[in-house]
PDB file of all heavy atoms in Angstrom:
ATOM      1  N   TRP A   1     -51.251  87.201 -29.693  1.00  0.00           N
ATOM      2  CA  TRP A   1     -49.912  87.776 -29.659  1.00  0.00           C
ATOM      3  C   TRP A   1     -49.602  88.454 -30.987  1.00  0.00           C
ATOM      4  O   TRP A   1     -49.923  87.910 -32.051  1.00  0.00           O
ATOM      5  CB  TRP A   1     -48.855  86.694 -29.431  1.00  0.00           C
ATOM      6  CG  TRP A   1     -48.534  86.387 -28.014  1.00  0.00           C
ATOM      7  CD1 TRP A   1     -49.056  85.391 -27.242  1.00  0.00           C
ATOM      8  CD2 TRP A   1     -47.591  87.073 -27.181  1.00  0.00           C
ATOM      9  NE1 TRP A   1     -48.509  85.403 -25.981  1.00  0.00           N
ATOM     10  CE2 TRP A   1     -47.591  86.424 -25.916  1.00  0.00           C
ATOM     11  CE3 TRP A   1     -46.728  88.159 -27.375  1.00  0.00           C
ATOM     12  CZ2 TRP A   1     -46.776  86.845 -24.867  1.00  0.00           C
ATOM     13  CZ3 TRP A   1     -45.923  88.576 -26.327  1.00  0.00           C
ATOM     14  CH2 TRP A   1     -45.956  87.921 -25.090  1.00  0.00           C
ATOM     15  N   LYS A   2     -48.961  89.612 -30.945  1.00  0.00           N
ATOM     16  CA  LYS A   2     -48.345  90.142 -32.150  1.00  0.00           C
ATOM     17  C   LYS A   2     -47.173  89.225 -32.483  1.00  0.00           C
ATOM     18  O   LYS A   2     -46.291  89.009 -31.653  1.00  0.00           O
ATOM     19  CB  LYS A   2     -47.879  91.576 -31.927  1.00  0.00           C
ATOM     20  CG  LYS A   2     -49.040  92.573 -31.796  1.00  0.00           C
ATOM     21  CD  LYS A   2     -48.555  93.999 -31.577  1.00  0.00           C
ATOM     22  CE  LYS A   2     -49.743  94.951 -31.497  1.00  0.00           C
ATOM     23  NZ  LYS A   2     -49.313  96.347 -31.192  1.00  0.00           N
ATOM     24  N   THR A   3     -47.185  88.682 -33.667  1.00  0.00           N
ATOM     25  CA  THR A   3     -46.236  87.631 -34.032  1.00  0.00           C
ATOM     26  C   THR A   3     -44.788  88.076 -33.867  1.00  0.00           C
ATOM     27  O   THR A   3     -43.955  87.327 -33.330  1.00  0.00           O
ATOM     28  CB  THR A   3     -46.487  87.171 -35.477  1.00  0.00           C
ATOM     29  OG1 THR A   3     -47.857  86.755 -35.612  1.00  0.00           O
ATOM     30  CG2 THR A   3     -45.579  86.022 -35.852  1.00  0.00           C
ATOM     31  N   LYS A   4     -44.481  89.274 -34.294  1.00  0.00           N
ATOM     32  CA  LYS A   4     -43.095  89.744 -34.216  1.00  0.00           C
ATOM     33  C   LYS A   4     -42.613  89.825 -32.770  1.00  0.00           C
ATOM     34  O   LYS A   4     -41.421  89.609 -32.494  1.00  0.00           O
ATOM     35  CB  LYS A   4     -42.950  91.106 -34.906  1.00  0.00           C
ATOM     36  CG  LYS A   4     -43.744  92.232 -34.265  1.00  0.00           C
ATOM     37  CD  LYS A   4     -43.542  93.536 -35.001  1.00  0.00           C
ATOM     38  CE  LYS A   4     -44.343  94.677 -34.378  1.00  0.00           C
ATOM     39  NZ  LYS A   4     -43.991  94.945 -32.963  1.00  0.00           N
ATOM     40  N   ASP A   5     -43.512  90.106 -31.840  1.00  0.00           N
ATOM     41  CA  ASP A   5     -43.108  90.268 -30.446  1.00  0.00           C
ATOM     42  C   ASP A   5     -42.878  88.927 -29.753  1.00  0.00           C
ATOM     43  O   ASP A   5     -41.897  88.759 -29.019  1.00  0.00           O
ATOM     44  CB  ASP A   5     -44.153  91.081 -29.681  1.00  0.00           C
ATOM     45  CG  ASP A   5     -44.191  92.532 -30.152  1.00  0.00           C
ATOM     46  OD1 ASP A   5     -43.210  92.984 -30.762  1.00  0.00           O
ATOM     47  OD2 ASP A   5     -45.210  93.211 -29.908  1.00  0.00           O
ATOM     48  N   ILE A   6     -43.761  87.970 -29.969  1.00  0.00           N
ATOM     49  CA  ILE A   6     -43.541  86.665 -29.336  1.00  0.00           C
ATOM     50  C   ILE A   6     -42.329  85.978 -29.955  1.00  0.00           C
ATOM     51  O   ILE A   6     -41.579  85.274 -29.257  1.00  0.00           O
ATOM     52  CB  ILE A   6     -44.808  85.770 -29.414  1.00  0.00           C
ATOM     53  CG1 ILE A   6     -44.632  84.544 -28.505  1.00  0.00           C
ATOM     54  CG2 ILE A   6     -45.143  85.385 -30.841  1.00  0.00           C
ATOM     55  CD1 ILE A   6     -45.895  83.723 -28.344  1.00  0.00           C
ATOM     56  N   LEU A   7     -42.072  86.205 -31.235  1.00  0.00           N
ATOM     57  CA  LEU A   7     -40.862  85.670 -31.858  1.00  0.00           C
ATOM     58  C   LEU A   7     -39.622  86.316 -31.259  1.00  0.00           C
ATOM     59  O   LEU A   7     -38.627  85.637 -30.964  1.00  0.00           O
ATOM     60  CB  LEU A   7     -40.902  85.894 -33.368  1.00  0.00           C
ATOM     61  CG  LEU A   7     -39.652  85.470 -34.152  1.00  0.00           C
ATOM     62  CD1 LEU A   7     -39.325  83.997 -33.937  1.00  0.00           C
ATOM     63  CD2 LEU A   7     -39.835  85.765 -35.635  1.00  0.00           C
ATOM     64  N   GLU A   8     -39.677  87.616 -31.033  1.00  0.00           N
ATOM     65  CA  GLU A   8     -38.527  88.326 -30.473  1.00  0.00           C
ATOM     66  C   GLU A   8     -38.210  87.845 -29.064  1.00  0.00           C
ATOM     67  O   GLU A   8     -37.037  87.740 -28.679  1.00  0.00           O
ATOM     68  CB  GLU A   8     -38.798  89.836 -30.474  1.00  0.00           C
ATOM     69  CG  GLU A   8     -37.582  90.695 -30.191  1.00  0.00           C
ATOM     70  CD  GLU A   8     -36.536  90.641 -31.298  1.00  0.00           C
ATOM     71  OE1 GLU A   8     -36.863  90.207 -32.423  1.00  0.00           O
ATOM     72  OE2 GLU A   8     -35.377  91.024 -31.022  1.00  0.00           O
ATOM     73  N   ILE A   9     -39.235  87.539 -28.287  1.00  0.00           N
ATOM     74  CA  ILE A   9     -39.017  87.003 -26.946  1.00  0.00           C
ATOM     75  C   ILE A   9     -38.239  85.700 -27.014  1.00  0.00           C
ATOM     76  O   ILE A   9     -37.269  85.488 -26.280  1.00  0.00           O
ATOM     77  CB  ILE A   9     -40.362  86.792 -26.224  1.00  0.00           C
ATOM     78  CG1 ILE A   9     -41.013  88.140 -25.907  1.00  0.00           C
ATOM     79  CG2 ILE A   9     -40.176  85.986 -24.934  1.00  0.00           C
ATOM     80  CD1 ILE A   9     -42.450  88.030 -25.436  1.00  0.00           C
ATOM     81  N   HIS A  10     -38.651  84.807 -27.910  1.00  0.00           N
ATOM     82  CA  HIS A  10     -37.968  83.519 -28.023  1.00  0.00           C
ATOM     83  C   HIS A  10     -36.560  83.661 -28.602  1.00  0.00           C
ATOM     84  O   HIS A  10     -35.671  82.876 -28.271  1.00  0.00           O
ATOM     85  CB  HIS A  10     -38.805  82.553 -28.854  1.00  0.00           C
ATOM     86  CG  HIS A  10     -40.016  82.039 -28.139  1.00  0.00           C
ATOM     87  ND1 HIS A  10     -41.184  82.766 -28.042  1.00  0.00           N
ATOM     88  CD2 HIS A  10     -40.235  80.896 -27.448  1.00  0.00           C
ATOM     89  CE1 HIS A  10     -42.068  82.082 -27.341  1.00  0.00           C
ATOM     90  NE2 HIS A  10     -41.521  80.945 -26.971  1.00  0.00           N
ATOM     91  N   LYS A  11     -36.350  84.658 -29.440  1.00  0.00           N
ATOM     92  CA  LYS A  11     -35.004  84.894 -29.955  1.00  0.00           C
ATOM     93  C   LYS A  11     -34.057  85.355 -28.852  1.00  0.00           C
ATOM     94  O   LYS A  11     -32.853  85.111 -28.922  1.00  0.00           O
ATOM     95  CB  LYS A  11     -35.050  85.953 -31.065  1.00  0.00           C
ATOM     96  CG  LYS A  11     -35.577  85.451 -32.393  1.00  0.00           C
ATOM     97  CD  LYS A  11     -35.529  86.559 -33.437  1.00  0.00           C
ATOM     98  CE  LYS A  11     -35.960  86.063 -34.809  1.00  0.00           C
ATOM     99  NZ  LYS A  11     -35.923  87.148 -35.816  1.00  0.00           N
ATOM    100  N   ASN A  12     -34.584  86.024 -27.852  1.00  0.00           N
ATOM    101  CA  ASN A  12     -33.760  86.584 -26.782  1.00  0.00           C
ATOM    102  C   ASN A  12     -33.753  85.743 -25.510  1.00  0.00           C
ATOM    103  O   ASN A  12     -33.029  86.066 -24.569  1.00  0.00           O
ATOM    104  CB  ASN A  12     -34.244  87.997 -26.456  1.00  0.00           C
ATOM    105  CG  ASN A  12     -33.825  89.019 -27.492  1.00  0.00           C
ATOM    106  OD1 ASN A  12     -32.739  89.581 -27.426  1.00  0.00           O
ATOM    107  ND2 ASN A  12     -34.688  89.239 -28.475  1.00  0.00           N
ATOM    108  N   CYS A  13     -34.556  84.699 -25.483  1.00  0.00           N
ATOM    109  CA  CYS A  13     -34.635  83.863 -24.285  1.00  0.00           C
ATOM    110  C   CYS A  13     -33.486  82.847 -24.267  1.00  0.00           C
ATOM    111  O   CYS A  13     -33.139  82.290 -25.309  1.00  0.00           O
ATOM    112  CB  CYS A  13     -35.970  83.139 -24.244  1.00  0.00           C
ATOM    113  SG  CYS A  13     -36.318  82.342 -22.653  1.00  0.00           S
ATOM    114  N   PRO A  14     -32.906  82.592 -23.111  1.00  0.00           N
ATOM    115  CA  PRO A  14     -31.865  81.548 -23.018  1.00  0.00           C
ATOM    116  C   PRO A  14     -32.449  80.182 -23.374  1.00  0.00           C
ATOM    117  O   PRO A  14     -33.670  79.995 -23.362  1.00  0.00           O
ATOM    118  CB  PRO A  14     -31.446  81.594 -21.541  1.00  0.00           C
ATOM    119  CG  PRO A  14     -31.929  82.899 -21.023  1.00  0.00           C
ATOM    120  CD  PRO A  14     -33.149  83.243 -21.817  1.00  0.00           C
ATOM    121  N   PRO A  15     -31.610  79.215 -23.692  1.00  0.00           N
ATOM    122  CA  PRO A  15     -32.104  77.856 -23.934  1.00  0.00           C
ATOM    123  C   PRO A  15     -32.924  77.370 -22.747  1.00  0.00           C
ATOM    124  O   PRO A  15     -32.496  77.473 -21.598  1.00  0.00           O
ATOM    125  CB  PRO A  15     -30.811  77.038 -24.092  1.00  0.00           C
ATOM    126  CG  PRO A  15     -29.799  78.030 -24.554  1.00  0.00           C
ATOM    127  CD  PRO A  15     -30.150  79.322 -23.862  1.00  0.00           C
ATOM    128  N   ALA A  16     -34.107  76.869 -23.022  1.00  0.00           N
ATOM    129  CA  ALA A  16     -35.024  76.473 -21.948  1.00  0.00           C
ATOM    130  C   ALA A  16     -35.985  75.421 -22.453  1.00  0.00           C
ATOM    131  O   ALA A  16     -36.079  75.149 -23.653  1.00  0.00           O
ATOM    132  CB  ALA A  16     -35.794  77.697 -21.433  1.00  0.00           C
ATOM    133  N   GLU A  17     -36.730  74.849 -21.516  1.00  0.00           N
ATOM    134  CA  GLU A  17     -37.700  73.804 -21.823  1.00  0.00           C
ATOM    135  C   GLU A  17     -39.048  74.166 -21.200  1.00  0.00           C
ATOM    136  O   GLU A  17     -39.211  75.230 -20.589  1.00  0.00           O
ATOM    137  CB  GLU A  17     -37.207  72.457 -21.275  1.00  0.00           C
ATOM    138  CG  GLU A  17     -35.927  71.944 -21.908  1.00  0.00           C
ATOM    139  CD  GLU A  17     -36.097  71.472 -23.343  1.00  0.00           C
ATOM    140  OE1 GLU A  17     -37.259  71.381 -23.798  1.00  0.00           O
ATOM    141  OE2 GLU A  17     -35.087  71.175 -23.990  1.00  0.00           O
ATOM    142  N   ILE A  18     -40.013  73.271 -21.359  1.00  0.00           N
ATOM    143  CA  ILE A  18     -41.317  73.427 -20.724  1.00  0.00           C
ATOM    144  C   ILE A  18     -41.668  72.118 -20.031  1.00  0.00           C
ATOM    145  O   ILE A  18     -41.002  71.109 -20.222  1.00  0.00           O
ATOM    146  CB  ILE A  18     -42.427  73.803 -21.739  1.00  0.00           C
ATOM    147  CG1 ILE A  18     -42.527  72.749 -22.851  1.00  0.00           C
ATOM    148  CG2 ILE A  18     -42.179  75.185 -22.319  1.00  0.00           C
ATOM    149  CD1 ILE A  18     -43.726  72.952 -23.769  1.00  0.00           C
ATOM    150  N   GLY A  19     -42.742  72.150 -19.229  1.00  0.00           N
ATOM    151  CA  GLY A  19     -43.194  70.934 -18.567  1.00  0.00           C
ATOM    152  C   GLY A  19     -42.157  70.376 -17.606  1.00  0.00           C
ATOM    153  O   GLY A  19     -41.418  71.109 -16.948  1.00  0.00           O
ATOM    154  N   ILE A  20     -42.091  69.060 -17.533  1.00  0.00           N
ATOM    155  CA  ILE A  20     -41.184  68.388 -16.600  1.00  0.00           C
ATOM    156  C   ILE A  20     -39.725  68.716 -16.915  1.00  0.00           C
ATOM    157  O   ILE A  20     -38.910  68.921 -16.011  1.00  0.00           O
ATOM    158  CB  ILE A  20     -41.425  66.864 -16.637  1.00  0.00           C
ATOM    159  CG1 ILE A  20     -42.840  66.540 -16.145  1.00  0.00           C
ATOM    160  CG2 ILE A  20     -40.400  66.137 -15.782  1.00  0.00           C
ATOM    161  CD1 ILE A  20     -43.217  65.082 -16.255  1.00  0.00           C
ATOM    162  N   LYS A  21     -39.372  68.800 -18.194  1.00  0.00           N
ATOM    163  CA  LYS A  21     -37.991  69.130 -18.559  1.00  0.00           C
ATOM    164  C   LYS A  21     -37.588  70.495 -18.023  1.00  0.00           C
ATOM    165  O   LYS A  21     -36.433  70.720 -17.658  1.00  0.00           O
ATOM    166  CB  LYS A  21     -37.819  69.102 -20.079  1.00  0.00           C
ATOM    167  CG  LYS A  21     -37.772  67.720 -20.697  1.00  0.00           C
ATOM    168  CD  LYS A  21     -37.475  67.822 -22.175  1.00  0.00           C
ATOM    169  CE  LYS A  21     -37.337  66.456 -22.821  1.00  0.00           C
ATOM    170  NZ  LYS A  21     -37.032  66.566 -24.272  1.00  0.00           N
ATOM    171  N   GLY A  22     -38.535  71.410 -17.989  1.00  0.00           N
ATOM    172  CA  GLY A  22     -38.237  72.749 -17.510  1.00  0.00           C
ATOM    173  C   GLY A  22     -37.842  72.800 -16.052  1.00  0.00           C
ATOM    174  O   GLY A  22     -37.142  73.719 -15.616  1.00  0.00           O
ATOM    175  N   GLU A  23     -38.281  71.805 -15.287  1.00  0.00           N
ATOM    176  CA  GLU A  23     -37.961  71.779 -13.862  1.00  0.00           C
ATOM    177  C   GLU A  23     -36.479  71.570 -13.606  1.00  0.00           C
ATOM    178  O   GLU A  23     -35.950  71.990 -12.575  1.00  0.00           O
ATOM    179  CB  GLU A  23     -38.789  70.681 -13.180  1.00  0.00           C
ATOM    180  CG  GLU A  23     -40.297  70.944 -13.218  1.00  0.00           C
ATOM    181  CD  GLU A  23     -41.116  69.788 -12.659  1.00  0.00           C
ATOM    182  OE1 GLU A  23     -40.488  68.833 -12.136  1.00  0.00           O
ATOM    183  OE2 GLU A  23     -42.357  69.823 -12.767  1.00  0.00           O
ATOM    184  N   THR A  24     -35.798  70.926 -14.545  1.00  0.00           N
ATOM    185  CA  THR A  24     -34.366  70.663 -14.361  1.00  0.00           C
ATOM    186  C   THR A  24     -33.486  71.461 -15.323  1.00  0.00           C
ATOM    187  O   THR A  24     -32.331  71.742 -15.013  1.00  0.00           O
ATOM    188  CB  THR A  24     -34.065  69.163 -14.557  1.00  0.00           C
ATOM    189  OG1 THR A  24     -34.552  68.737 -15.843  1.00  0.00           O
ATOM    190  CG2 THR A  24     -34.748  68.342 -13.470  1.00  0.00           C
ATOM    191  N   LEU A  25     -34.007  71.836 -16.480  1.00  0.00           N
ATOM    192  CA  LEU A  25     -33.202  72.500 -17.507  1.00  0.00           C
ATOM    193  C   LEU A  25     -33.528  73.976 -17.669  1.00  0.00           C
ATOM    194  O   LEU A  25     -33.000  74.631 -18.558  1.00  0.00           O
ATOM    195  CB  LEU A  25     -33.380  71.778 -18.850  1.00  0.00           C
ATOM    196  CG  LEU A  25     -32.987  70.306 -18.852  1.00  0.00           C
ATOM    197  CD1 LEU A  25     -33.319  69.657 -20.195  1.00  0.00           C
ATOM    198  CD2 LEU A  25     -31.491  70.149 -18.565  1.00  0.00           C
ATOM    199  N   GLY A  26     -34.383  74.508 -16.799  1.00  0.00           N
ATOM    200  CA  GLY A  26     -34.786  75.904 -16.904  1.00  0.00           C
ATOM    201  C   GLY A  26     -36.089  76.030 -17.645  1.00  0.00           C
ATOM    202  O   GLY A  26     -36.251  75.499 -18.756  1.00  0.00           O
ATOM    203  N   HIS A  27     -37.051  76.691 -17.036  1.00  0.00           N
ATOM    204  CA  HIS A  27     -38.401  76.773 -17.604  1.00  0.00           C
ATOM    205  C   HIS A  27     -38.558  78.055 -18.410  1.00  0.00           C
ATOM    206  O   HIS A  27     -38.370  79.152 -17.900  1.00  0.00           O
ATOM    207  CB  HIS A  27     -39.440  76.733 -16.489  1.00  0.00           C
ATOM    208  CG  HIS A  27     -40.763  76.220 -16.937  1.00  0.00           C
ATOM    209  ND1 HIS A  27     -41.542  76.874 -17.858  1.00  0.00           N
ATOM    210  CD2 HIS A  27     -41.455  75.096 -16.609  1.00  0.00           C
ATOM    211  CE1 HIS A  27     -42.655  76.197 -18.073  1.00  0.00           C
ATOM    212  NE2 HIS A  27     -42.620  75.109 -17.341  1.00  0.00           N
ATOM    213  N   LEU A  28     -38.914  77.905 -19.683  1.00  0.00           N
ATOM    214  CA  LEU A  28     -39.038  79.061 -20.568  1.00  0.00           C
ATOM    215  C   LEU A  28     -40.020  80.082 -20.013  1.00  0.00           C
ATOM    216  O   LEU A  28     -39.768  81.292 -20.097  1.00  0.00           O
ATOM    217  CB  LEU A  28     -39.476  78.621 -21.970  1.00  0.00           C
ATOM    218  CG  LEU A  28     -39.644  79.788 -22.950  1.00  0.00           C
ATOM    219  CD1 LEU A  28     -38.965  79.493 -24.276  1.00  0.00           C
ATOM    220  CD2 LEU A  28     -41.125  80.105 -23.195  1.00  0.00           C
ATOM    221  N   GLU A  29     -41.111  79.629 -19.451  1.00  0.00           N
ATOM    222  CA  GLU A  29     -42.129  80.567 -18.983  1.00  0.00           C
ATOM    223  C   GLU A  29     -41.587  81.490 -17.894  1.00  0.00           C
ATOM    224  O   GLU A  29     -42.020  82.630 -17.766  1.00  0.00           O
ATOM    225  CB  GLU A  29     -43.355  79.813 -18.472  1.00  0.00           C
ATOM    226  CG  GLU A  29     -44.601  80.666 -18.397  1.00  0.00           C
ATOM    227  CD  GLU A  29     -45.859  79.849 -18.224  1.00  0.00           C
ATOM    228  OE1 GLU A  29     -45.786  78.766 -17.619  1.00  0.00           O
ATOM    229  OE2 GLU A  29     -46.914  80.288 -18.702  1.00  0.00           O
ATOM    230  N   GLU A  30     -40.625  81.013 -17.115  1.00  0.00           N
ATOM    231  CA  GLU A  30     -40.000  81.848 -16.086  1.00  0.00           C
ATOM    232  C   GLU A  30     -38.892  82.719 -16.669  1.00  0.00           C
ATOM    233  O   GLU A  30     -38.807  83.917 -16.381  1.00  0.00           O
ATOM    234  CB  GLU A  30     -39.457  80.966 -14.964  1.00  0.00           C
ATOM    235  CG  GLU A  30     -40.526  80.320 -14.120  1.00  0.00           C
ATOM    236  CD  GLU A  30     -41.454  81.339 -13.461  1.00  0.00           C
ATOM    237  OE1 GLU A  30     -40.945  82.375 -12.971  1.00  0.00           O
ATOM    238  OE2 GLU A  30     -42.677  81.113 -13.458  1.00  0.00           O
ATOM    239  N   LEU A  31     -38.031  82.142 -17.485  1.00  0.00           N
ATOM    240  CA  LEU A  31     -36.921  82.895 -18.062  1.00  0.00           C
ATOM    241  C   LEU A  31     -37.406  84.004 -18.986  1.00  0.00           C
ATOM    242  O   LEU A  31     -36.775  85.060 -19.089  1.00  0.00           O
ATOM    243  CB  LEU A  31     -35.988  81.945 -18.814  1.00  0.00           C
ATOM    244  CG  LEU A  31     -35.254  80.911 -17.945  1.00  0.00           C
ATOM    245  CD1 LEU A  31     -34.499  79.920 -18.828  1.00  0.00           C
ATOM    246  CD2 LEU A  31     -34.304  81.595 -16.979  1.00  0.00           C
ATOM    247  N   ALA A  32     -38.531  83.770 -19.658  1.00  0.00           N
ATOM    248  CA  ALA A  32     -39.054  84.769 -20.596  1.00  0.00           C
ATOM    249  C   ALA A  32     -39.567  86.014 -19.883  1.00  0.00           C
ATOM    250  O   ALA A  32     -39.671  87.083 -20.503  1.00  0.00           O
ATOM    251  CB  ALA A  32     -40.163  84.157 -21.444  1.00  0.00           C
ATOM    252  N   LYS A  33     -39.873  85.908 -18.604  1.00  0.00           N
ATOM    253  CA  LYS A  33     -40.360  87.075 -17.861  1.00  0.00           C
ATOM    254  C   LYS A  33     -39.296  88.174 -17.820  1.00  0.00           C
ATOM    255  O   LYS A  33     -39.592  89.362 -18.008  1.00  0.00           O
ATOM    256  CB  LYS A  33     -40.773  86.663 -16.451  1.00  0.00           C
ATOM    257  CG  LYS A  33     -41.965  85.717 -16.397  1.00  0.00           C
ATOM    258  CD  LYS A  33     -42.305  85.340 -14.963  1.00  0.00           C
ATOM    259  CE  LYS A  33     -43.363  84.247 -14.894  1.00  0.00           C
ATOM    260  NZ  LYS A  33     -44.659  84.636 -15.447  1.00  0.00           N
TER     261      LYS A  33
END
């Protein structure tokens, strides 16, 4: 990843989680799309 771009994605992504937490609190991998 170009560092500035993956950082920018996370700066613009809503609060989210991964794994089991993501199933109830919103999954970052989906929201980041």
